[in-house]
């Protein structure tokens, strides 16, 4: 399995989550097989998302897309996310 882990800060979790949920079909159309969302136990404005992808190259392309950048702006992401591309072992 291939995964992408994203760590980001948001200004408002509910606003972020609504945009994230609305964006599900776009992620799926680009190869995302599903996602889990976590909030930091130390910082409620820090969100981590673990997504499963069919191919890492599709995931890399998606993370660099204008479509994702615009969704993140709309969702209120307040910092530059940390993005990790992972192979399941």
N, C-alpha and C. Protein backbone atom coordinates (compact mmCIF):
# COMPACT_ATOMS: atom_id res chain seq x y z
N UNK A 1 0.83 -1.19 0.00
CA UNK A 1 0.00 0.00 0.00
C UNK A 1 0.87 1.25 0.00
N UNK A 2 0.32 2.30 -0.56
CA UNK A 2 1.00 3.60 -0.63
C UNK A 2 0.20 4.59 0.21
N UNK A 3 0.90 5.45 0.92
CA UNK A 3 0.23 6.39 1.81
C UNK A 3 0.84 7.78 1.69
N UNK A 4 0.02 8.76 2.04
CA UNK A 4 0.49 10.13 2.19
C UNK A 4 0.03 10.60 3.57
N UNK A 5 0.98 11.13 4.33
CA UNK A 5 0.68 11.69 5.65
C UNK A 5 0.89 13.19 5.56
N UNK A 6 -0.13 13.95 5.95
CA UNK A 6 -0.07 15.41 5.89
C UNK A 6 -0.30 15.96 7.29
N UNK A 7 0.59 16.86 7.71
CA UNK A 7 0.45 17.57 8.98
C UNK A 7 0.27 19.04 8.64
N UNK A 8 -0.78 19.65 9.19
CA UNK A 8 -1.06 21.05 8.89
C UNK A 8 -1.76 21.72 10.06
N UNK A 9 -1.64 23.03 10.11
CA UNK A 9 -2.35 23.83 11.12
C UNK A 9 -3.54 24.49 10.42
N UNK A 10 -4.65 24.59 11.16
CA UNK A 10 -5.85 25.19 10.60
C UNK A 10 -6.38 26.26 11.56
N UNK A 11 -7.08 27.24 11.01
CA UNK A 11 -7.62 28.32 11.85
C UNK A 11 -8.92 27.93 12.54
N UNK A 12 -9.64 26.96 11.93
CA UNK A 12 -10.92 26.52 12.49
C UNK A 12 -11.15 25.09 12.02
N UNK A 13 -11.16 24.14 12.95
CA UNK A 13 -11.27 22.74 12.57
C UNK A 13 -12.57 22.44 11.82
N UNK A 14 -13.69 22.94 12.29
CA UNK A 14 -14.98 22.63 11.63
C UNK A 14 -15.00 23.13 10.19
N UNK A 15 -14.48 24.34 9.98
CA UNK A 15 -14.42 24.89 8.63
C UNK A 15 -13.51 24.01 7.76
N UNK A 16 -12.35 23.65 8.29
CA UNK A 16 -11.41 22.81 7.55
C UNK A 16 -12.06 21.48 7.20
N UNK A 17 -12.69 20.84 8.18
CA UNK A 17 -13.28 19.50 7.98
C UNK A 17 -14.39 19.53 6.93
N UNK A 18 -15.18 20.60 6.92
CA UNK A 18 -16.25 20.71 5.91
C UNK A 18 -15.66 20.75 4.50
N UNK A 19 -14.61 21.53 4.31
CA UNK A 19 -13.97 21.61 2.99
C UNK A 19 -13.30 20.28 2.66
N UNK A 20 -12.64 19.67 3.63
CA UNK A 20 -12.00 18.37 3.42
C UNK A 20 -13.03 17.34 2.95
N UNK A 21 -14.17 17.29 3.61
CA UNK A 21 -15.22 16.34 3.24
C UNK A 21 -15.78 16.63 1.85
N UNK A 22 -15.98 17.89 1.52
CA UNK A 22 -16.48 18.27 0.19
C UNK A 22 -15.50 17.87 -0.91
N UNK A 23 -14.24 17.82 -0.58
CA UNK A 23 -13.17 17.55 -1.54
C UNK A 23 -12.92 16.05 -1.74
N UNK A 24 -13.66 15.18 -1.04
CA UNK A 24 -13.42 13.73 -1.09
C UNK A 24 -13.51 13.17 -2.51
N UNK A 25 -14.50 13.57 -3.27
CA UNK A 25 -14.66 13.02 -4.61
C UNK A 25 -13.50 13.42 -5.53
N UNK A 26 -12.93 14.58 -5.31
CA UNK A 26 -11.78 15.02 -6.12
C UNK A 26 -10.55 14.19 -5.76
N UNK A 27 -10.35 13.95 -4.46
CA UNK A 27 -9.24 13.08 -4.05
C UNK A 27 -9.39 11.69 -4.66
N UNK A 28 -10.60 11.14 -4.58
CA UNK A 28 -10.86 9.80 -5.12
C UNK A 28 -10.61 9.75 -6.62
N UNK A 29 -11.04 10.76 -7.34
CA UNK A 29 -10.83 10.80 -8.79
C UNK A 29 -9.35 10.84 -9.15
N UNK A 30 -8.52 11.26 -8.22
CA UNK A 30 -7.07 11.34 -8.45
C UNK A 30 -6.31 10.14 -7.89
N UNK A 31 -7.03 9.15 -7.33
CA UNK A 31 -6.39 7.93 -6.89
C UNK A 31 -6.36 7.68 -5.40
N UNK A 32 -6.97 8.56 -4.61
CA UNK A 32 -7.02 8.34 -3.17
C UNK A 32 -8.04 7.25 -2.85
N UNK A 33 -7.65 6.30 -2.03
CA UNK A 33 -8.51 5.17 -1.68
C UNK A 33 -9.24 5.36 -0.35
N UNK A 34 -8.93 6.42 0.36
CA UNK A 34 -9.56 6.68 1.65
C UNK A 34 -8.63 7.49 2.53
N UNK A 35 -9.19 8.04 3.62
CA UNK A 35 -8.41 8.89 4.49
C UNK A 35 -8.88 8.78 5.93
N UNK A 36 -7.94 8.96 6.84
CA UNK A 36 -8.24 9.06 8.26
C UNK A 36 -7.74 10.41 8.73
N UNK A 37 -8.53 11.06 9.58
CA UNK A 37 -8.18 12.38 10.10
C UNK A 37 -7.90 12.27 11.59
N UNK A 38 -6.84 12.95 12.03
CA UNK A 38 -6.46 12.98 13.43
C UNK A 38 -6.21 14.42 13.85
N UNK A 39 -6.49 14.71 15.10
CA UNK A 39 -6.13 16.02 15.68
C UNK A 39 -5.09 15.77 16.76
N UNK A 40 -4.16 16.67 16.84
CA UNK A 40 -3.10 16.56 17.84
C UNK A 40 -3.70 16.59 19.24
N UNK A 41 -3.15 15.77 20.13
CA UNK A 41 -3.57 15.79 21.52
C UNK A 41 -3.02 16.99 22.26
N UNK A 42 -2.03 17.67 21.68
CA UNK A 42 -1.41 18.84 22.31
C UNK A 42 -1.84 20.17 21.70
N UNK A 43 -2.31 20.14 20.46
CA UNK A 43 -2.67 21.38 19.76
C UNK A 43 -3.92 21.10 18.92
N UNK A 44 -5.08 21.57 19.36
CA UNK A 44 -6.33 21.27 18.64
C UNK A 44 -6.40 21.85 17.22
N UNK A 45 -5.48 22.75 16.88
CA UNK A 45 -5.48 23.35 15.55
C UNK A 45 -4.51 22.64 14.61
N UNK A 46 -3.85 21.61 15.11
CA UNK A 46 -2.96 20.81 14.27
C UNK A 46 -3.71 19.55 13.84
N UNK A 47 -3.78 19.34 12.53
CA UNK A 47 -4.52 18.23 11.95
C UNK A 47 -3.55 17.37 11.16
N UNK A 48 -3.73 16.05 11.31
CA UNK A 48 -2.96 15.10 10.53
C UNK A 48 -3.93 14.25 9.72
N UNK A 49 -3.58 14.02 8.47
CA UNK A 49 -4.42 13.22 7.58
C UNK A 49 -3.55 12.11 6.99
N UNK A 50 -4.01 10.88 7.14
CA UNK A 50 -3.34 9.73 6.55
C UNK A 50 -4.23 9.23 5.42
N UNK A 51 -3.72 9.30 4.21
CA UNK A 51 -4.49 8.90 3.03
C UNK A 51 -3.82 7.71 2.34
N UNK A 52 -4.64 6.79 1.89
CA UNK A 52 -4.15 5.64 1.13
C UNK A 52 -4.33 5.97 -0.35
N UNK A 53 -3.30 5.67 -1.14
CA UNK A 53 -3.31 5.97 -2.57
C UNK A 53 -3.00 4.72 -3.37
N UNK A 54 -3.51 4.67 -4.60
CA UNK A 54 -3.20 3.54 -5.46
C UNK A 54 -1.77 3.64 -6.01
N UNK A 55 -1.28 4.87 -6.22
CA UNK A 55 0.09 5.08 -6.72
C UNK A 55 0.66 6.35 -6.11
N UNK A 56 1.91 6.29 -5.66
CA UNK A 56 2.53 7.48 -5.07
C UNK A 56 2.72 8.60 -6.09
N UNK A 57 2.97 8.25 -7.34
CA UNK A 57 3.15 9.30 -8.34
C UNK A 57 1.87 10.12 -8.53
N UNK A 58 0.72 9.46 -8.48
CA UNK A 58 -0.55 10.19 -8.56
C UNK A 58 -0.70 11.09 -7.33
N UNK A 59 -0.30 10.58 -6.18
CA UNK A 59 -0.39 11.37 -4.95
C UNK A 59 0.53 12.59 -5.02
N UNK A 60 1.75 12.40 -5.50
CA UNK A 60 2.68 13.53 -5.64
C UNK A 60 2.09 14.61 -6.57
N UNK A 61 1.54 14.17 -7.67
CA UNK A 61 0.96 15.11 -8.63
C UNK A 61 -0.21 15.87 -7.98
N UNK A 62 -1.05 15.14 -7.26
CA UNK A 62 -2.20 15.77 -6.61
C UNK A 62 -1.77 16.79 -5.56
N UNK A 63 -0.74 16.47 -4.77
CA UNK A 63 -0.32 17.39 -3.72
C UNK A 63 0.28 18.68 -4.27
N UNK A 64 0.63 18.68 -5.54
CA UNK A 64 1.19 19.87 -6.17
C UNK A 64 0.17 20.62 -7.04
N UNK A 65 -1.08 20.17 -7.01
CA UNK A 65 -2.09 20.74 -7.89
C UNK A 65 -2.64 22.07 -7.38
N UNK A 66 -3.04 22.92 -8.31
CA UNK A 66 -3.70 24.17 -7.96
C UNK A 66 -5.03 23.91 -7.26
N UNK A 67 -5.69 22.84 -7.66
CA UNK A 67 -6.98 22.48 -7.07
C UNK A 67 -6.84 22.25 -5.56
N UNK A 68 -5.80 21.52 -5.17
CA UNK A 68 -5.57 21.28 -3.74
C UNK A 68 -5.16 22.57 -3.04
N UNK A 69 -4.31 23.35 -3.66
CA UNK A 69 -3.87 24.62 -3.07
C UNK A 69 -5.08 25.52 -2.80
N UNK A 70 -5.98 25.61 -3.73
CA UNK A 70 -7.18 26.43 -3.55
C UNK A 70 -8.07 25.89 -2.44
N UNK A 71 -8.23 24.58 -2.37
CA UNK A 71 -9.05 23.98 -1.30
C UNK A 71 -8.43 24.26 0.07
N UNK A 72 -7.11 24.20 0.16
CA UNK A 72 -6.44 24.47 1.43
C UNK A 72 -6.62 25.92 1.85
N UNK A 73 -6.56 26.82 0.90
CA UNK A 73 -6.81 28.24 1.21
C UNK A 73 -8.24 28.43 1.70
N UNK A 74 -9.19 27.82 1.01
CA UNK A 74 -10.60 27.91 1.39
C UNK A 74 -10.84 27.32 2.77
N UNK A 75 -10.12 26.25 3.08
CA UNK A 75 -10.31 25.54 4.36
C UNK A 75 -9.65 26.25 5.54
N UNK A 76 -8.78 27.22 5.27
CA UNK A 76 -8.14 27.95 6.35
C UNK A 76 -6.88 27.30 6.90
N UNK A 77 -6.12 26.63 6.02
CA UNK A 77 -4.82 26.10 6.44
C UNK A 77 -3.90 27.29 6.67
N UNK A 78 -3.24 27.33 7.83
CA UNK A 78 -2.48 28.53 8.22
C UNK A 78 -0.98 28.39 8.10
N UNK A 79 -0.48 27.22 7.74
CA UNK A 79 0.96 27.06 7.58
C UNK A 79 1.24 26.21 6.35
N UNK A 80 2.51 26.05 6.05
CA UNK A 80 2.88 25.16 4.95
C UNK A 80 2.84 23.74 5.50
N UNK A 81 1.98 22.90 4.94
CA UNK A 81 1.86 21.53 5.46
C UNK A 81 3.15 20.73 5.27
N UNK A 82 3.37 19.80 6.18
CA UNK A 82 4.43 18.80 6.01
C UNK A 82 3.77 17.62 5.33
N UNK A 83 4.36 17.13 4.23
CA UNK A 83 3.78 16.03 3.48
C UNK A 83 4.82 14.92 3.37
N UNK A 84 4.41 13.71 3.75
CA UNK A 84 5.28 12.55 3.70
C UNK A 84 4.66 11.50 2.79
N UNK A 85 5.45 10.98 1.86
CA UNK A 85 5.02 9.92 0.95
C UNK A 85 5.59 8.60 1.48
N UNK A 86 4.71 7.63 1.74
CA UNK A 86 5.10 6.43 2.48
C UNK A 86 4.71 5.15 1.75
N UNK A 87 5.56 4.13 1.88
CA UNK A 87 5.25 2.78 1.41
C UNK A 87 4.90 1.95 2.64
N UNK A 88 3.78 1.23 2.60
CA UNK A 88 3.44 0.33 3.67
C UNK A 88 4.40 -0.85 3.68
N UNK A 89 4.78 -1.29 4.87
CA UNK A 89 5.69 -2.45 4.97
C UNK A 89 5.08 -3.49 5.91
